[in-house]
């Protein structure tokens, strides 16, 4: 008796890219907690089992979503920039990409912690640092430090944005009117200051090792 091993026709209606794009849309509209395989399947009008033709589990799906978020970072032409300028530009581009989607930093952070995904963010930061005169150990450690700061800062920033959108206000802020534009400037200044501190620290550390 011959059996047909092909998946049902309905599961072939959507490509892997279609699934990732639908997941990204759900993430942006509802947030990470509501990005479930069941909701995703319903959005695509398929059975949840059909999703597993493309992804073996939710973690691998989120890794693909993470890669899609990071791939949206604008491409930087560093030209003759020094390593510090290159790192600063890459950090800005990656921050913008993470902020483009709701809970973007949390998704990338979780995939990074599990060692999943293409690791493009780390690759871009490493390439920027490679323009400096660092040994491989320092370069690798520095890229990781910049990435951890980037993901942590933007994750915090997005939680604040979400809290503001839901009208969640702590007692500490009750006496002040919400000023989203001012908060955004403060967050950007804080991010730039943190990147500058890491660059300054790496410069001192590098000089001490020479």
Protein backbone atom coordinates (compact mmCIF):
# COMPACT_ATOMS: atom_id res chain seq x y z
CA UNK A 1 0.00 0.00 0.00
CA UNK A 2 1.42 3.38 -1.04
CA UNK A 3 1.17 6.27 1.38
CA UNK A 4 1.46 9.93 0.54
CA UNK A 5 4.02 11.58 2.85
CA UNK A 6 3.30 15.10 1.62
CA UNK A 7 1.71 17.51 4.09
CA UNK A 8 -1.93 18.43 3.63
CA UNK A 9 -2.58 21.03 0.94
CA UNK A 10 -3.66 23.58 3.56
CA UNK A 11 -0.25 23.47 5.27
CA UNK A 12 1.44 24.26 1.95
CA UNK A 13 -0.46 27.54 1.47
CA UNK A 14 2.09 29.55 3.40
CA UNK A 15 5.85 29.70 3.13
CA UNK A 16 8.29 30.02 5.99
CA UNK A 17 8.55 33.74 5.22
CA UNK A 18 4.75 34.06 5.36
CA UNK A 19 4.72 32.48 8.82
CA UNK A 20 7.46 34.80 10.11
CA UNK A 21 5.73 37.89 8.73
CA UNK A 22 2.42 36.86 10.31
CA UNK A 23 4.16 36.25 13.63
CA UNK A 24 5.82 39.65 13.41
CA UNK A 25 2.45 41.31 12.79
CA UNK A 26 0.96 39.60 15.85
CA UNK A 27 3.98 40.60 17.93
CA UNK A 28 3.67 44.23 16.88
CA UNK A 29 -0.06 44.40 17.53
CA UNK A 30 -0.47 42.30 20.67
CA UNK A 31 3.01 41.83 22.18
CA UNK A 32 5.15 38.80 22.91
CA UNK A 33 2.87 37.16 25.54
CA UNK A 34 0.08 36.88 22.97
CA UNK A 35 2.28 35.52 20.20
CA UNK A 36 1.17 31.89 20.56
CA UNK A 37 1.27 29.10 18.01
CA UNK A 38 -2.51 28.81 18.28
CA UNK A 39 -3.08 32.50 17.52
CA UNK A 40 -0.57 32.35 14.68
CA UNK A 41 -2.27 29.31 13.17
CA UNK A 42 -5.65 31.03 13.43
CA UNK A 43 -4.28 34.12 11.69
CA UNK A 44 -2.97 31.98 8.84
CA UNK A 45 -6.19 29.88 8.77
CA UNK A 46 -4.34 26.61 9.31
CA UNK A 47 -4.16 24.00 12.04
CA UNK A 48 -1.40 24.61 14.64
CA UNK A 49 0.29 21.38 13.52
CA UNK A 50 0.79 22.90 10.05
CA UNK A 51 3.24 25.43 11.51
CA UNK A 52 5.61 22.65 12.47
CA UNK A 53 6.38 21.96 8.83
CA UNK A 54 8.37 25.19 9.00
CA UNK A 55 9.46 25.40 12.64
CA UNK A 56 10.06 22.53 15.05
CA UNK A 57 8.97 24.59 18.07
CA UNK A 58 8.12 28.08 19.23
CA UNK A 59 11.71 28.87 20.16
CA UNK A 60 12.91 28.34 16.58
CA UNK A 61 10.03 30.46 15.32
CA UNK A 62 10.99 33.28 17.68
CA UNK A 63 14.60 32.96 16.53
CA UNK A 64 13.45 33.50 12.95
CA UNK A 65 11.37 36.49 14.06
CA UNK A 66 14.44 37.81 15.90
CA UNK A 67 16.53 37.48 12.75
CA UNK A 68 13.86 39.32 10.79
CA UNK A 69 13.84 42.20 13.30
CA UNK A 70 17.62 42.59 13.29
CA UNK A 71 17.83 42.32 9.50
CA UNK A 72 15.78 45.51 9.33
CA UNK A 73 18.64 47.54 10.79
CA UNK A 74 19.88 50.03 8.23
CA UNK A 75 23.13 49.13 6.52
CA UNK A 76 26.01 51.34 7.60
CA UNK A 77 28.77 52.41 5.23
CA UNK A 78 31.64 53.00 7.61
CA UNK A 79 34.06 54.19 4.97
CA UNK A 80 37.17 55.32 6.83
CA UNK A 81 35.45 55.60 10.22
CA UNK A 82 37.45 54.57 13.26
CA UNK A 83 36.22 51.69 15.41
CA UNK A 84 34.51 53.93 17.97
CA UNK A 85 32.45 55.74 15.33
CA UNK A 86 31.63 52.42 13.66
CA UNK A 87 30.40 50.89 16.92
CA UNK A 88 28.33 53.96 17.73
CA UNK A 89 26.64 53.87 14.32
CA UNK A 90 25.95 50.13 14.52
CA UNK A 91 24.47 50.51 18.00
CA UNK A 92 22.17 53.28 16.78
CA UNK A 93 21.04 51.25 13.77
CA UNK A 94 20.34 48.16 15.87
CA UNK A 95 18.46 50.20 18.49
CA UNK A 96 16.23 51.67 15.80
CA UNK A 97 15.52 48.18 14.41
CA UNK A 98 14.57 46.83 17.84
CA UNK A 99 12.29 49.78 18.52
CA UNK A 100 10.52 49.26 15.20
CA UNK A 101 8.54 46.36 16.66
CA UNK A 102 6.75 45.96 19.96
CA UNK A 103 8.82 43.82 22.35
CA UNK A 104 11.51 43.61 19.68
CA UNK A 105 14.37 43.71 22.18
CA UNK A 106 12.83 40.99 24.34
CA UNK A 107 12.45 38.67 21.36
CA UNK A 108 16.06 39.18 20.27
CA UNK A 109 17.29 38.90 23.86
CA UNK A 110 15.54 35.57 24.43
CA UNK A 111 16.90 34.11 21.18
CA UNK A 112 20.39 35.38 21.98
CA UNK A 113 20.25 33.82 25.46
CA UNK A 114 19.31 30.44 23.97
CA UNK A 115 22.02 30.62 21.31
CA UNK A 116 19.43 30.59 18.52
CA UNK A 117 19.21 32.64 15.36
CA UNK A 118 21.81 33.96 12.96
CA UNK A 119 23.44 36.28 15.50
CA UNK A 120 23.58 39.18 13.05
CA UNK A 121 23.57 41.84 15.76
CA UNK A 122 26.67 40.38 17.39
CA UNK A 123 28.30 39.96 13.98
CA UNK A 124 27.74 43.60 13.10
CA UNK A 125 29.16 44.87 16.38
CA UNK A 126 32.15 42.53 16.09
CA UNK A 127 32.85 43.76 12.57
CA UNK A 128 32.79 47.36 13.80
CA UNK A 129 35.21 46.54 16.61
CA UNK A 130 37.45 44.71 14.16
CA UNK A 131 38.39 48.12 12.79
CA UNK A 132 40.33 48.69 16.00
CA UNK A 133 43.60 47.18 17.12
CA UNK A 134 42.12 44.63 19.54
CA UNK A 135 43.08 41.05 20.02
CA UNK A 136 40.41 38.43 19.35
CA UNK A 137 39.59 37.87 23.02
CA UNK A 138 39.00 41.56 23.74
CA UNK A 139 37.05 42.01 20.51
CA UNK A 140 34.74 39.10 21.32
CA UNK A 141 34.17 40.22 24.92
CA UNK A 142 33.59 43.84 23.91
CA UNK A 143 31.04 42.89 21.23
CA UNK A 144 29.15 40.85 23.82
CA UNK A 145 29.19 43.72 26.31
CA UNK A 146 27.88 46.21 23.76
CA UNK A 147 25.13 43.79 22.72
CA UNK A 148 24.07 43.07 26.32
CA UNK A 149 23.82 46.79 27.04
CA UNK A 150 21.92 47.41 23.82
CA UNK A 151 19.34 44.67 24.42
CA UNK A 152 18.93 45.49 28.11
CA UNK A 153 18.49 49.20 27.54
CA UNK A 154 16.00 48.87 24.69
CA UNK A 155 14.07 46.16 26.55
CA UNK A 156 13.67 48.55 29.50
CA UNK A 157 12.74 51.36 27.13
CA UNK A 158 10.05 49.28 25.44
CA UNK A 159 8.58 48.25 28.78
CA UNK A 160 8.27 51.92 29.69
CA UNK A 161 6.62 52.65 26.32
CA UNK A 162 4.16 49.82 26.91
CA UNK A 163 3.40 51.04 30.43
CA UNK A 164 2.73 54.55 29.12
CA UNK A 165 0.41 53.23 26.41
CA UNK A 166 -1.58 51.30 29.04
CA UNK A 167 -1.77 54.26 31.39
CA UNK A 168 0.28 52.53 34.06
CA UNK A 169 1.78 55.29 36.21
CA UNK A 170 3.79 54.81 39.38
CA UNK A 171 3.36 57.06 42.38
CA UNK A 172 6.73 58.59 41.65
CA UNK A 173 5.41 59.96 38.36
CA UNK A 174 1.88 60.88 39.37
CA UNK A 175 2.75 64.51 40.05
CA UNK A 176 4.15 64.97 36.52
CA UNK A 177 2.15 65.02 33.29
CA UNK A 178 3.12 62.37 30.78
CA UNK A 179 5.47 63.76 28.20
CA UNK A 180 6.23 61.02 25.70
CA UNK A 181 8.49 63.18 23.56
CA UNK A 182 10.57 64.26 26.55
CA UNK A 183 10.79 60.66 27.79
CA UNK A 184 11.95 59.55 24.36
CA UNK A 185 14.73 62.15 24.35
CA UNK A 186 15.81 61.10 27.82
CA UNK A 187 15.95 57.45 26.80
CA UNK A 188 18.01 58.31 23.73
CA UNK A 189 20.39 60.44 25.78
CA UNK A 190 20.76 57.62 28.29
CA UNK A 191 21.48 55.13 25.51
CA UNK A 192 24.07 57.38 23.86
CA UNK A 193 25.73 58.00 27.22
CA UNK A 194 25.95 54.27 27.93
CA UNK A 195 27.51 53.54 24.54
CA UNK A 196 29.98 56.38 25.08
CA UNK A 197 30.94 54.96 28.49
CA UNK A 198 31.58 51.52 27.01
CA UNK A 199 33.68 53.01 24.23
CA UNK A 200 35.69 55.08 26.72
CA UNK A 201 36.19 52.08 28.97
CA UNK A 202 37.33 49.91 26.08
CA UNK A 203 39.76 52.61 24.98
CA UNK A 204 41.34 52.75 28.44
CA UNK A 205 41.42 48.96 28.70
CA UNK A 206 43.00 48.65 25.27
CA UNK A 207 45.68 51.24 26.06
CA UNK A 208 46.50 49.45 29.32
CA UNK A 209 47.04 46.17 27.48
CA UNK A 210 49.44 47.65 24.93
